[in-house]
Amino acid sequence: MEAEVKDNISPSEGNVQQVQADHITLEQGGIGRAEARFIDLGEGGIGMAFSENITIKEGGVGIAFADTVKIETGTVAFAAAGEISGNAHILFDVRAAVLFGLITGAVVGLIKALAGKRAA
């Protein structure tokens, strides 16, 4: 199921593959990809969300790209947001991704350097 709306959309239950709107309100169910200025999420879930403002009451988002993410009780796997507030359960954010990349690069570089010395 796919839907494109220019103003507001509020799927109550069920799943929607992709939604583009000014304001999305989701109480239950799921959206694969959501693009809106405002996203309000109740107990549902969104795979990937692009928004200025995301509010999560009890739901979850896989990947959130937003200016502001407000979480009452919910989870976000990866968040790229200017501001994150509330009872946030975020598994991976931009700072963690940068730190992970730096550490991984240093470890791989060290292993290659040590392996190169042994071969010589």
C-alpha atoms as a PDB file:
ATOM      1  CA  MET A   1       0.000   0.000   0.000  1.00  0.00           C
ATOM      2  CA  GLU A   2       1.426   3.406  -0.914  1.00  0.00           C
ATOM      3  CA  ALA A   3       0.082   6.853  -0.125  1.00  0.00           C
ATOM      4  CA  GLU A   4       1.123  10.374  -1.004  1.00  0.00           C
ATOM      5  CA  VAL A   5      -0.643  13.276   0.656  1.00  0.00           C
ATOM      6  CA  LYS A   6       0.182  16.981   0.645  1.00  0.00           C
ATOM      7  CA  ASP A   7      -1.411  18.096   3.940  1.00  0.00           C
ATOM      8  CA  ASN A   8      -2.134  15.586   6.727  1.00  0.00           C
ATOM      9  CA  ILE A   9      -2.338  11.820   6.997  1.00  0.00           C
ATOM     10  CA  SER A  10      -3.349   9.708   9.991  1.00  0.00           C
ATOM     11  CA  PRO A  11      -3.326   5.968   9.270  1.00  0.00           C
ATOM     12  CA  SER A  12      -4.948   4.382  12.340  1.00  0.00           C
ATOM     13  CA  GLU A  13      -3.895   0.741  11.891  1.00  0.00           C
ATOM     14  CA  GLY A  14      -2.172  -1.325   9.255  1.00  0.00           C
ATOM     15  CA  ASN A  15       0.931  -0.674   7.247  1.00  0.00           C
ATOM     16  CA  VAL A  16       1.816   1.929   4.650  1.00  0.00           C
ATOM     17  CA  GLN A  17       4.910   1.633   2.486  1.00  0.00           C
ATOM     18  CA  GLN A  18       5.643   5.332   1.931  1.00  0.00           C
ATOM     19  CA  VAL A  19       4.038   8.576   3.087  1.00  0.00           C
ATOM     20  CA  GLN A  20       4.811  12.176   2.118  1.00  0.00           C
ATOM     21  CA  ALA A  21       2.798  14.849   3.900  1.00  0.00           C
ATOM     22  CA  ASP A  22       3.025  18.073   5.839  1.00  0.00           C
ATOM     23  CA  HIS A  23       1.935  16.329   9.079  1.00  0.00           C
ATOM     24  CA  ILE A  24       1.837  12.585   9.789  1.00  0.00           C
ATOM     25  CA  THR A  25       0.108  11.156  12.862  1.00  0.00           C
ATOM     26  CA  LEU A  26       0.460   7.405  13.462  1.00  0.00           C
ATOM     27  CA  GLU A  27      -1.160   5.796  16.520  1.00  0.00           C
ATOM     28  CA  GLN A  28      -0.750   2.104  15.588  1.00  0.00           C
ATOM     29  CA  GLY A  29       0.627   0.313  12.582  1.00  0.00           C
ATOM     30  CA  GLY A  30       3.709   1.019  10.556  1.00  0.00           C
ATOM     31  CA  ILE A  31       5.193   3.168   7.818  1.00  0.00           C
ATOM     32  CA  GLY A  32       8.204   2.090   5.805  1.00  0.00           C
ATOM     33  CA  ARG A  33       9.372   5.584   4.837  1.00  0.00           C
ATOM     34  CA  ALA A  34       7.855   8.808   6.146  1.00  0.00           C
ATOM     35  CA  GLU A  35       8.631  12.347   4.961  1.00  0.00           C
ATOM     36  CA  ALA A  36       6.883  15.287   6.644  1.00  0.00           C
ATOM     37  CA  ARG A  37       7.465  18.567   8.428  1.00  0.00           C
ATOM     38  CA  PHE A  38       5.905  17.051  11.576  1.00  0.00           C
ATOM     39  CA  ILE A  39       5.663  13.383  12.554  1.00  0.00           C
ATOM     40  CA  ASP A  40       3.737  12.286  15.666  1.00  0.00           C
ATOM     41  CA  LEU A  41       4.162   8.610  16.504  1.00  0.00           C
ATOM     42  CA  GLY A  42       2.038   6.797  19.101  1.00  0.00           C
ATOM     43  CA  GLU A  43       2.533   3.042  19.463  1.00  0.00           C
ATOM     44  CA  GLY A  44       3.449   2.424  15.852  1.00  0.00           C
ATOM     45  CA  GLY A  45       6.728   2.128  14.069  1.00  0.00           C
ATOM     46  CA  ILE A  46       8.502   3.849  11.192  1.00  0.00           C
ATOM     47  CA  GLY A  47      11.418   2.354   9.290  1.00  0.00           C
ATOM     48  CA  MET A  48      12.945   5.613   8.041  1.00  0.00           C
ATOM     49  CA  ALA A  49      11.709   9.087   8.982  1.00  0.00           C
ATOM     50  CA  PHE A  50      12.707  12.466   7.490  1.00  0.00           C
ATOM     51  CA  SER A  51      11.221  15.448   9.303  1.00  0.00           C
ATOM     52  CA  GLU A  52      11.760  18.800  10.969  1.00  0.00           C
ATOM     53  CA  ASN A  53      10.117  17.562  14.174  1.00  0.00           C
ATOM     54  CA  ILE A  54       9.519  13.961  15.284  1.00  0.00           C
ATOM     55  CA  THR A  55       7.577  13.191  18.485  1.00  0.00           C
ATOM     56  CA  ILE A  56       7.568   9.583  19.701  1.00  0.00           C
ATOM     57  CA  LYS A  57       5.187   8.562  22.507  1.00  0.00           C
ATOM     58  CA  GLU A  58       5.696   4.784  22.765  1.00  0.00           C
ATOM     59  CA  GLY A  59       6.731   3.725  19.289  1.00  0.00           C
ATOM     60  CA  GLY A  60       9.970   3.147  17.510  1.00  0.00           C
ATOM     61  CA  VAL A  61      11.890   4.469  14.522  1.00  0.00           C
ATOM     62  CA  GLY A  62      14.670   2.639  12.726  1.00  0.00           C
ATOM     63  CA  ILE A  63      16.428   5.662  11.238  1.00  0.00           C
ATOM     64  CA  ALA A  64      15.450   9.249  12.110  1.00  0.00           C
ATOM     65  CA  PHE A  65      16.727  12.327  10.272  1.00  0.00           C
ATOM     66  CA  ALA A  66      15.265  15.429  11.933  1.00  0.00           C
ATOM     67  CA  ASP A  67      15.985  18.833  13.376  1.00  0.00           C
ATOM     68  CA  THR A  68      14.281  17.846  16.648  1.00  0.00           C
ATOM     69  CA  VAL A  69      13.390  14.420  18.075  1.00  0.00           C
ATOM     70  CA  LYS A  70      11.250  14.276  21.239  1.00  0.00           C
ATOM     71  CA  ILE A  71      10.830  10.874  22.868  1.00  0.00           C
ATOM     72  CA  GLU A  72       8.466  10.100  25.760  1.00  0.00           C
ATOM     73  CA  THR A  73       9.003   6.324  25.847  1.00  0.00           C
ATOM     74  CA  GLY A  74      10.344   4.935  22.632  1.00  0.00           C
ATOM     75  CA  THR A  75      13.352   3.737  20.739  1.00  0.00           C
ATOM     76  CA  VAL A  76      15.364   4.993  17.782  1.00  0.00           C
ATOM     77  CA  ALA A  77      18.044   2.744  16.280  1.00  0.00           C
ATOM     78  CA  PHE A  78      19.961   5.564  14.507  1.00  0.00           C
ATOM     79  CA  ALA A  79      19.296   9.265  15.000  1.00  0.00           C
ATOM     80  CA  ALA A  80      20.778  12.149  13.049  1.00  0.00           C
ATOM     81  CA  ALA A  81      19.149  15.091  14.802  1.00  0.00           C
ATOM     82  CA  GLY A  82      20.072  18.571  15.876  1.00  0.00           C
ATOM     83  CA  GLU A  83      18.300  18.131  19.214  1.00  0.00           C
ATOM     84  CA  ILE A  84      17.169  14.975  21.019  1.00  0.00           C
ATOM     85  CA  SER A  85      15.112  15.261  24.196  1.00  0.00           C
ATOM     86  CA  GLY A  86      13.029  13.164  26.537  1.00  0.00           C
ATOM     87  CA  ASN A  87      13.408   9.577  27.672  1.00  0.00           C
ATOM     88  CA  ALA A  88      15.541   8.690  24.676  1.00  0.00           C
ATOM     89  CA  HIS A  89      16.573   5.113  23.945  1.00  0.00           C
ATOM     90  CA  ILE A  90      18.898   5.675  20.993  1.00  0.00           C
ATOM     91  CA  LEU A  91      21.120   2.829  19.905  1.00  0.00           C
ATOM     92  CA  PHE A  92      23.381   4.816  17.548  1.00  0.00           C
ATOM     93  CA  ASP A  93      23.657   8.554  16.905  1.00  0.00           C
ATOM     94  CA  VAL A  94      25.964  10.678  14.751  1.00  0.00           C
ATOM     95  CA  ARG A  95      28.578  11.088  17.510  1.00  0.00           C
ATOM     96  CA  ALA A  96      28.648   7.334  18.108  1.00  0.00           C
ATOM     97  CA  ALA A  97      28.978   6.700  14.362  1.00  0.00           C
ATOM     98  CA  VAL A  98      31.951   9.083  14.084  1.00  0.00           C
ATOM     99  CA  LEU A  99      33.626   7.561  17.144  1.00  0.00           C
ATOM    100  CA  PHE A 100      33.024   4.036  15.829  1.00  0.00           C
ATOM    101  CA  GLY A 101      34.556   4.997  12.469  1.00  0.00           C
ATOM    102  CA  LEU A 102      37.635   6.552  14.098  1.00  0.00           C
ATOM    103  CA  ILE A 103      38.246   3.560  16.361  1.00  0.00           C
ATOM    104  CA  THR A 104      37.672   1.046  13.564  1.00  0.00           C
ATOM    105  CA  GLY A 105      40.019   2.948  11.248  1.00  0.00           C
ATOM    106  CA  ALA A 106      42.734   3.106  13.927  1.00  0.00           C
ATOM    107  CA  VAL A 107      42.440  -0.624  14.700  1.00  0.00           C
ATOM    108  CA  VAL A 108      42.492  -1.634  11.021  1.00  0.00           C
ATOM    109  CA  GLY A 109      45.468   0.682  10.383  1.00  0.00           C
ATOM    110  CA  LEU A 110      47.342  -0.792  13.349  1.00  0.00           C
ATOM    111  CA  ILE A 111      46.658  -4.356  12.200  1.00  0.00           C
ATOM    112  CA  LYS A 112      47.852  -3.553   8.659  1.00  0.00           C
ATOM    113  CA  ALA A 113      50.978  -1.841  10.018  1.00  0.00           C
ATOM    114  CA  LEU A 114      51.815  -4.819  12.234  1.00  0.00           C
ATOM    115  CA  ALA A 115      51.107  -7.308   9.440  1.00  0.00           C
ATOM    116  CA  GLY A 116      53.368  -5.287   7.087  1.00  0.00           C
ATOM    117  CA  LYS A 117      56.262  -5.396   9.567  1.00  0.00           C
ATOM    118  CA  ARG A 118      55.975  -9.187   9.921  1.00  0.00           C
ATOM    119  CA  ALA A 119      56.028  -9.702   6.150  1.00  0.00           C
ATOM    120  CA  ALA A 120      59.215  -7.629   5.748  1.00  0.00           C
END
